[in-house]
Amino acid sequence: MARIAGASPRAARYLKLSPRGSDDPVILCCEISGRGPWVILVPGLGDTVWAWRKLVPALETSHRVAAPEPRGHGRSASPGGPYTLEELAGDLGRLAREIGAERPILVGQGLGGRAALLLGLERPELPAALVLIGTDPSPPGGEAREALLAQRGHAARGDMKAAYRDRKAAGAHPRGMTPKERAEHHRLFPPNSPPGHAAACGAARGGPDLAGRLGGRRCP
């Protein structure tokens, strides 16, 4: 597990979510802070808790905030892939149980948003609300799908710098950052586990189409 979250004043917890005795366990790194109703922040593909560097301080004054890094990301473990959207959603559900987060607000960006949405549809009793940022309920198609395939190929070969270039060229590069923040974002991406990122790209390319199920959600 890498230690690449960037500067953070919050302590990290490591939560084992897979059954005891697993040869390749799922261990998620999660930063928890604040007091009040639970909010769980789920970053997008290739990102870490650093993505929430401005949001966490605003939320933790009135909420209990959990900021996990998904499997294959940042300081979390990278069990053997490929990963599926269903597995990422299941990790979130087990994380909520482990930390005692009852009726949390789930905030997800991109792939993290799709995982949060699937969890909310499969377990409607769990989230109090869903906040989905840049999230498409359907698997990507066309050029976006091919871009993910290219990014996965680079990661599978261990070339995370090329994977980052593909991500940036595909328009997945965050906007609104200062030059210093952009440089930090660039610095934090390549240390991600190459096999873990390749497996996560597979999850981003696949998964069920949730568009037809949106009417069945039970939370705002």
C-alpha atoms as a PDB file:
ATOM      1  CA  MET A   1       0.000   0.000   0.000  1.00  0.00           C
ATOM      2  CA  ALA A   2       1.391   3.361  -1.025  1.00  0.00           C
ATOM      3  CA  ARG A   3       1.404   6.483   1.130  1.00  0.00           C
ATOM      4  CA  ILE A   4       0.634   9.181  -1.393  1.00  0.00           C
ATOM      5  CA  ALA A   5      -2.366  11.113  -0.134  1.00  0.00           C
ATOM      6  CA  GLY A   6      -0.632  14.459  -0.050  1.00  0.00           C
ATOM      7  CA  ALA A   7      -0.553  16.774   2.928  1.00  0.00           C
ATOM      8  CA  SER A   8      -3.408  16.056   5.336  1.00  0.00           C
ATOM      9  CA  PRO A   9      -3.796  16.907   9.026  1.00  0.00           C
ATOM     10  CA  ARG A  10      -6.176  13.974   9.572  1.00  0.00           C
ATOM     11  CA  ALA A  11      -5.179  10.540  10.817  1.00  0.00           C
ATOM     12  CA  ALA A  12      -5.840   7.583   8.546  1.00  0.00           C
ATOM     13  CA  ARG A  13      -7.439   4.292   9.532  1.00  0.00           C
ATOM     14  CA  TYR A  14      -6.909   1.035   7.658  1.00  0.00           C
ATOM     15  CA  LEU A  15     -10.024  -1.136   7.536  1.00  0.00           C
ATOM     16  CA  LYS A  16      -9.948  -4.761   6.428  1.00  0.00           C
ATOM     17  CA  LEU A  17     -13.213  -5.423   4.627  1.00  0.00           C
ATOM     18  CA  SER A  18     -12.635  -8.961   3.345  1.00  0.00           C
ATOM     19  CA  PRO A  19     -13.153 -12.185   5.326  1.00  0.00           C
ATOM     20  CA  ARG A  20     -10.411 -13.354   7.660  1.00  0.00           C
ATOM     21  CA  GLY A  21      -7.830 -15.561   6.036  1.00  0.00           C
ATOM     22  CA  SER A  22      -8.171 -13.964   2.614  1.00  0.00           C
ATOM     23  CA  ASP A  23      -4.980 -14.390   0.613  1.00  0.00           C
ATOM     24  CA  ASP A  24      -5.452 -11.016  -1.107  1.00  0.00           C
ATOM     25  CA  PRO A  25      -7.470  -8.890   1.345  1.00  0.00           C
ATOM     26  CA  VAL A  26      -9.365  -5.680   0.645  1.00  0.00           C
ATOM     27  CA  ILE A  27      -7.942  -3.044   3.004  1.00  0.00           C
ATOM     28  CA  LEU A  28      -9.184   0.495   2.564  1.00  0.00           C
ATOM     29  CA  CYS A  29      -7.492   3.603   3.886  1.00  0.00           C
ATOM     30  CA  CYS A  30     -10.030   6.043   5.317  1.00  0.00           C
ATOM     31  CA  GLU A  31      -9.628   9.431   6.986  1.00  0.00           C
ATOM     32  CA  ILE A  32     -12.352  10.258   9.522  1.00  0.00           C
ATOM     33  CA  SER A  33     -12.924  13.611  11.163  1.00  0.00           C
ATOM     34  CA  GLY A  34     -15.597  15.901  12.590  1.00  0.00           C
ATOM     35  CA  ARG A  35     -18.818  15.287  14.506  1.00  0.00           C
ATOM     36  CA  GLY A  36     -22.455  15.033  13.480  1.00  0.00           C
ATOM     37  CA  PRO A  37     -24.384  13.191  10.759  1.00  0.00           C
ATOM     38  CA  TRP A  38     -22.220  10.988   8.551  1.00  0.00           C
ATOM     39  CA  VAL A  39     -20.941  11.986   5.120  1.00  0.00           C
ATOM     40  CA  ILE A  40     -18.863   9.549   3.055  1.00  0.00           C
ATOM     41  CA  LEU A  41     -16.767  11.049   0.238  1.00  0.00           C
ATOM     42  CA  VAL A  42     -15.827   8.712  -2.630  1.00  0.00           C
ATOM     43  CA  PRO A  43     -13.258  10.011  -5.149  1.00  0.00           C
ATOM     44  CA  GLY A  44     -13.198   9.333  -8.863  1.00  0.00           C
ATOM     45  CA  LEU A  45     -10.941   7.054 -10.865  1.00  0.00           C
ATOM     46  CA  GLY A  46      -7.274   7.533  -9.961  1.00  0.00           C
ATOM     47  CA  ASP A  47      -7.917  10.104  -7.222  1.00  0.00           C
ATOM     48  CA  THR A  48      -7.299  10.036  -3.471  1.00  0.00           C
ATOM     49  CA  VAL A  49      -8.613  11.933  -0.455  1.00  0.00           C
ATOM     50  CA  TRP A  50      -6.636  14.908  -1.757  1.00  0.00           C
ATOM     51  CA  ALA A  51      -9.546  15.530  -4.143  1.00  0.00           C
ATOM     52  CA  TRP A  52     -11.611  16.626  -1.119  1.00  0.00           C
ATOM     53  CA  ARG A  53      -8.956  18.914   0.410  1.00  0.00           C
ATOM     54  CA  LYS A  54     -11.291  21.943   0.364  1.00  0.00           C
ATOM     55  CA  LEU A  55     -14.561  20.136   1.057  1.00  0.00           C
ATOM     56  CA  VAL A  56     -13.566  18.187   4.176  1.00  0.00           C
ATOM     57  CA  PRO A  57     -12.699  21.274   6.270  1.00  0.00           C
ATOM     58  CA  ALA A  58     -16.053  22.822   5.346  1.00  0.00           C
ATOM     59  CA  LEU A  59     -18.036  19.690   6.197  1.00  0.00           C
ATOM     60  CA  GLU A  60     -16.289  18.494   9.351  1.00  0.00           C
ATOM     61  CA  THR A  61     -17.507  21.498  11.365  1.00  0.00           C
ATOM     62  CA  SER A  62     -21.031  20.031  11.307  1.00  0.00           C
ATOM     63  CA  HIS A  63     -20.656  16.434  10.047  1.00  0.00           C
ATOM     64  CA  ARG A  64     -18.722  13.266  10.736  1.00  0.00           C
ATOM     65  CA  VAL A  65     -16.752  12.896   7.508  1.00  0.00           C
ATOM     66  CA  ALA A  66     -15.278   9.655   6.162  1.00  0.00           C
ATOM     67  CA  ALA A  67     -12.967   9.997   3.165  1.00  0.00           C
ATOM     68  CA  PRO A  68     -11.947   6.543   1.918  1.00  0.00           C
ATOM     69  CA  GLU A  69      -9.599   5.694  -0.925  1.00  0.00           C
ATOM     70  CA  PRO A  70     -11.122   2.868  -3.021  1.00  0.00           C
ATOM     71  CA  ARG A  71      -9.307  -0.382  -3.657  1.00  0.00           C
ATOM     72  CA  GLY A  72      -6.460   0.146  -6.099  1.00  0.00           C
ATOM     73  CA  HIS A  73      -6.194   3.829  -5.148  1.00  0.00           C
ATOM     74  CA  GLY A  74      -3.732   5.758  -3.001  1.00  0.00           C
ATOM     75  CA  ARG A  75      -2.909   4.103   0.315  1.00  0.00           C
ATOM     76  CA  SER A  76      -5.537   1.365   0.032  1.00  0.00           C
ATOM     77  CA  ALA A  77      -4.636  -2.190  -0.925  1.00  0.00           C
ATOM     78  CA  SER A  78      -4.681  -3.300  -4.538  1.00  0.00           C
ATOM     79  CA  PRO A  79      -5.995  -6.865  -4.507  1.00  0.00           C
ATOM     80  CA  GLY A  80      -5.817  -8.799  -7.747  1.00  0.00           C
ATOM     81  CA  GLY A  81      -8.218  -7.630 -10.428  1.00  0.00           C
ATOM     82  CA  PRO A  82     -10.147  -7.116 -12.497  1.00  0.00           C
ATOM     83  CA  TYR A  83     -12.482  -5.082 -10.306  1.00  0.00           C
ATOM     84  CA  THR A  84     -16.194  -4.628 -10.895  1.00  0.00           C
ATOM     85  CA  LEU A  85     -18.564  -1.790 -10.082  1.00  0.00           C
ATOM     86  CA  GLU A  86     -20.455  -4.222  -7.850  1.00  0.00           C
ATOM     87  CA  GLU A  87     -17.285  -4.852  -5.825  1.00  0.00           C
ATOM     88  CA  LEU A  88     -16.612  -1.138  -5.404  1.00  0.00           C
ATOM     89  CA  ALA A  89     -20.188  -0.584  -4.235  1.00  0.00           C
ATOM     90  CA  GLY A  90     -19.896  -3.538  -1.855  1.00  0.00           C
ATOM     91  CA  ASP A  91     -16.720  -2.067  -0.388  1.00  0.00           C
ATOM     92  CA  LEU A  92     -18.620   1.134   0.403  1.00  0.00           C
ATOM     93  CA  GLY A  93     -21.394  -0.766   2.132  1.00  0.00           C
ATOM     94  CA  ARG A  94     -18.943  -2.756   4.255  1.00  0.00           C
ATOM     95  CA  LEU A  95     -17.001   0.411   5.042  1.00  0.00           C
ATOM     96  CA  ALA A  96     -20.167   2.101   6.321  1.00  0.00           C
ATOM     97  CA  ARG A  97     -20.838  -0.896   8.568  1.00  0.00           C
ATOM     98  CA  GLU A  98     -17.271  -1.015   9.890  1.00  0.00           C
ATOM     99  CA  ILE A  99     -17.197   2.648  10.911  1.00  0.00           C
ATOM    100  CA  GLY A 100     -20.778   2.652  12.209  1.00  0.00           C
ATOM    101  CA  ALA A 101     -22.048   5.159   9.659  1.00  0.00           C
ATOM    102  CA  GLU A 102     -25.831   4.951   9.826  1.00  0.00           C
ATOM    103  CA  ARG A 103     -27.785   6.656   7.056  1.00  0.00           C
ATOM    104  CA  PRO A 104     -24.772   8.517   5.631  1.00  0.00           C
ATOM    105  CA  ILE A 105     -24.901  11.046   2.842  1.00  0.00           C
ATOM    106  CA  LEU A 106     -22.872   9.505   0.010  1.00  0.00           C
ATOM    107  CA  VAL A 107     -20.907  12.010  -2.080  1.00  0.00           C
ATOM    108  CA  GLY A 108     -19.251  10.459  -5.122  1.00  0.00           C
ATOM    109  CA  GLN A 109     -17.398  11.768  -8.143  1.00  0.00           C
ATOM    110  CA  GLY A 110     -17.154   9.921 -11.454  1.00  0.00           C
ATOM    111  CA  LEU A 111     -16.545   6.216 -10.823  1.00  0.00           C
ATOM    112  CA  GLY A 112     -17.020   6.827  -7.111  1.00  0.00           C
ATOM    113  CA  GLY A 113     -20.427   8.330  -7.882  1.00  0.00           C
ATOM    114  CA  ARG A 114     -21.453   5.282  -9.934  1.00  0.00           C
ATOM    115  CA  ALA A 115     -20.448   2.995  -7.052  1.00  0.00           C
ATOM    116  CA  ALA A 116     -22.419   5.142  -4.589  1.00  0.00           C
ATOM    117  CA  LEU A 117     -25.440   5.157  -6.904  1.00  0.00           C
ATOM    118  CA  LEU A 118     -25.385   1.387  -7.304  1.00  0.00           C
ATOM    119  CA  LEU A 119     -25.115   0.946  -3.536  1.00  0.00           C
ATOM    120  CA  GLY A 120     -28.075   3.270  -3.033  1.00  0.00           C
ATOM    121  CA  LEU A 121     -30.172   1.303  -5.504  1.00  0.00           C
ATOM    122  CA  GLU A 122     -29.184  -2.104  -4.132  1.00  0.00           C
ATOM    123  CA  ARG A 123     -29.477  -1.064  -0.492  1.00  0.00           C
ATOM    124  CA  PRO A 124     -32.013   1.780  -0.418  1.00  0.00           C
ATOM    125  CA  GLU A 125     -32.138   1.718   3.380  1.00  0.00           C
ATOM    126  CA  LEU A 126     -28.491   2.770   3.661  1.00  0.00           C
ATOM    127  CA  PRO A 127     -27.982   6.309   2.286  1.00  0.00           C
ATOM    128  CA  ALA A 128     -29.803   9.370   3.579  1.00  0.00           C
ATOM    129  CA  ALA A 129     -28.981  11.135   0.307  1.00  0.00           C
ATOM    130  CA  LEU A 130     -26.805  10.845  -2.783  1.00  0.00           C
ATOM    131  CA  VAL A 131     -24.645  13.651  -4.166  1.00  0.00           C
ATOM    132  CA  LEU A 132     -23.304  12.600  -7.581  1.00  0.00           C
ATOM    133  CA  ILE A 133     -20.641  14.751  -9.238  1.00  0.00           C
ATOM    134  CA  GLY A 134     -19.748  14.195 -12.887  1.00  0.00           C
ATOM    135  CA  THR A 135     -21.442  10.812 -12.697  1.00  0.00           C
ATOM    136  CA  ASP A 136     -22.998   8.998 -15.642  1.00  0.00           C
ATOM    137  CA  PRO A 137     -25.320   6.143 -14.599  1.00  0.00           C
ATOM    138  CA  SER A 138     -24.352   4.242 -17.744  1.00  0.00           C
ATOM    139  CA  PRO A 139     -21.032   2.655 -18.718  1.00  0.00           C
ATOM    140  CA  PRO A 140     -18.979   4.868 -21.034  1.00  0.00           C
ATOM    141  CA  GLY A 141     -19.174   4.357 -24.758  1.00  0.00           C
ATOM    142  CA  GLY A 142     -17.348   5.484 -27.860  1.00  0.00           C
ATOM    143  CA  GLU A 143     -14.215   7.547 -27.390  1.00  0.00           C
ATOM    144  CA  ALA A 144     -14.510   7.598 -23.599  1.00  0.00           C
ATOM    145  CA  ARG A 145     -14.513   3.808 -23.501  1.00  0.00           C
ATOM    146  CA  GLU A 146     -11.513   3.602 -25.820  1.00  0.00           C
ATOM    147  CA  ALA A 147      -9.649   6.181 -23.736  1.00  0.00           C
ATOM    148  CA  LEU A 148     -10.167   4.059 -20.632  1.00  0.00           C
ATOM    149  CA  LEU A 149      -8.912   1.018 -22.515  1.00  0.00           C
ATOM    150  CA  ALA A 150      -5.740   2.890 -23.482  1.00  0.00           C
ATOM    151  CA  GLN A 151      -5.283   4.146 -19.912  1.00  0.00           C
ATOM    152  CA  ARG A 152      -5.715   0.608 -18.579  1.00  0.00           C
ATOM    153  CA  GLY A 153      -3.141  -0.671 -21.063  1.00  0.00           C
ATOM    154  CA  HIS A 154      -0.539   1.849 -19.934  1.00  0.00           C
ATOM    155  CA  ALA A 155      -1.193   1.040 -16.265  1.00  0.00           C
ATOM    156  CA  ALA A 156      -0.971  -2.699 -16.927  1.00  0.00           C
ATOM    157  CA  ARG A 157       2.490  -2.090 -18.386  1.00  0.00           C
ATOM    158  CA  GLY A 158       3.472  -0.041 -15.352  1.00  0.00           C
ATOM    159  CA  ASP A 159       3.587   3.283 -17.209  1.00  0.00           C
ATOM    160  CA  MET A 160       1.492   5.513 -14.959  1.00  0.00           C
ATOM    161  CA  LYS A 161       2.856   8.706 -16.491  1.00  0.00           C
ATOM    162  CA  ALA A 162       1.423   7.657 -19.865  1.00  0.00           C
ATOM    163  CA  ALA A 163      -1.839   6.706 -18.156  1.00  0.00           C
ATOM    164  CA  TYR A 164      -2.003  10.204 -16.680  1.00  0.00           C
ATOM    165  CA  ARG A 165      -1.413  11.766 -20.094  1.00  0.00           C
ATOM    166  CA  ASP A 166      -4.284   9.701 -21.514  1.00  0.00           C
ATOM    167  CA  ARG A 167      -6.522  10.734 -18.653  1.00  0.00           C
ATOM    168  CA  LYS A 168      -5.703  14.393 -19.215  1.00  0.00           C
ATOM    169  CA  ALA A 169      -6.202  14.129 -22.994  1.00  0.00           C
ATOM    170  CA  ALA A 170      -9.622  12.539 -22.439  1.00  0.00           C
ATOM    171  CA  GLY A 171     -10.787  15.608 -20.512  1.00  0.00           C
ATOM    172  CA  ALA A 172     -10.736  13.897 -17.124  1.00  0.00           C
ATOM    173  CA  HIS A 173      -8.264  16.412 -15.733  1.00  0.00           C
ATOM    174  CA  PRO A 174      -9.878  18.476 -12.940  1.00  0.00           C
ATOM    175  CA  ARG A 175     -10.537  22.112 -13.709  1.00  0.00           C
ATOM    176  CA  GLY A 176     -10.318  25.193 -11.532  1.00  0.00           C
ATOM    177  CA  MET A 177      -7.019  24.341  -9.856  1.00  0.00           C
ATOM    178  CA  THR A 178      -4.116  26.685  -9.258  1.00  0.00           C
ATOM    179  CA  PRO A 179      -0.818  25.823 -10.973  1.00  0.00           C
ATOM    180  CA  LYS A 180       0.490  24.535  -7.629  1.00  0.00           C
ATOM    181  CA  GLU A 181      -2.564  22.320  -7.146  1.00  0.00           C
ATOM    182  CA  ARG A 182      -2.316  21.035 -10.709  1.00  0.00           C
ATOM    183  CA  ALA A 183       1.312  20.080 -10.096  1.00  0.00           C
ATOM    184  CA  GLU A 184       0.340  18.287  -6.877  1.00  0.00           C
ATOM    185  CA  HIS A 185      -2.449  16.403  -8.664  1.00  0.00           C
ATOM    186  CA  HIS A 186       0.077  15.325 -11.282  1.00  0.00           C
ATOM    187  CA  ARG A 187       2.513  14.228  -8.570  1.00  0.00           C
ATOM    188  CA  LEU A 188      -0.048  12.129  -6.713  1.00  0.00           C
ATOM    189  CA  PHE A 189      -1.347  10.141  -9.682  1.00  0.00           C
ATOM    190  CA  PRO A 190       1.702   8.119 -10.883  1.00  0.00           C
ATOM    191  CA  PRO A 191       2.416   6.512  -7.458  1.00  0.00           C
ATOM    192  CA  ASN A 192      -0.970   4.750  -7.605  1.00  0.00           C
ATOM    193  CA  SER A 193      -0.536   0.982  -7.905  1.00  0.00           C
ATOM    194  CA  PRO A 194      -0.301   0.222 -11.661  1.00  0.00           C
ATOM    195  CA  PRO A 195      -2.142  -3.143 -11.362  1.00  0.00           C
ATOM    196  CA  GLY A 196      -4.714  -1.545  -9.071  1.00  0.00           C
ATOM    197  CA  HIS A 197      -5.335   1.326 -11.463  1.00  0.00           C
ATOM    198  CA  ALA A 198      -5.596  -1.036 -14.426  1.00  0.00           C
ATOM    199  CA  ALA A 199      -8.165  -3.096 -12.510  1.00  0.00           C
ATOM    200  CA  ALA A 200     -10.098   0.054 -11.554  1.00  0.00           C
ATOM    201  CA  CYS A 201     -10.143   1.159 -15.213  1.00  0.00           C
ATOM    202  CA  GLY A 202     -11.836  -2.147 -15.975  1.00  0.00           C
ATOM    203  CA  ALA A 203     -14.527  -1.361 -13.410  1.00  0.00           C
ATOM    204  CA  ALA A 204     -14.984   2.100 -14.946  1.00  0.00           C
ATOM    205  CA  ARG A 205     -15.490   0.582 -18.426  1.00  0.00           C
ATOM    206  CA  GLY A 206     -18.028  -1.986 -17.266  1.00  0.00           C
ATOM    207  CA  GLY A 207     -20.828  -2.366 -14.788  1.00  0.00           C
ATOM    208  CA  PRO A 208     -24.593  -2.323 -15.206  1.00  0.00           C
ATOM    209  CA  ASP A 209     -26.499   0.502 -16.876  1.00  0.00           C
ATOM    210  CA  LEU A 210     -28.308   2.178 -13.982  1.00  0.00           C
ATOM    211  CA  ALA A 211     -30.231   4.766 -15.999  1.00  0.00           C
ATOM    212  CA  GLY A 212     -33.404   2.700 -16.110  1.00  0.00           C
ATOM    213  CA  ARG A 213     -33.362   2.227 -12.330  1.00  0.00           C
ATOM    214  CA  LEU A 214     -33.102   5.877 -11.314  1.00  0.00           C
ATOM    215  CA  GLY A 215     -36.832   6.153 -10.757  1.00  0.00           C
ATOM    216  CA  GLY A 216     -36.587   3.491  -8.070  1.00  0.00           C
ATOM    217  CA  ARG A 217     -34.268   5.380  -5.767  1.00  0.00           C
ATOM    218  CA  ARG A 218     -35.696   6.197  -2.350  1.00  0.00           C
ATOM    219  CA  CYS A 219     -33.495   9.081  -1.249  1.00  0.00           C
ATOM    220  CA  PRO A 220     -32.899  12.598  -2.531  1.00  0.00           C
END
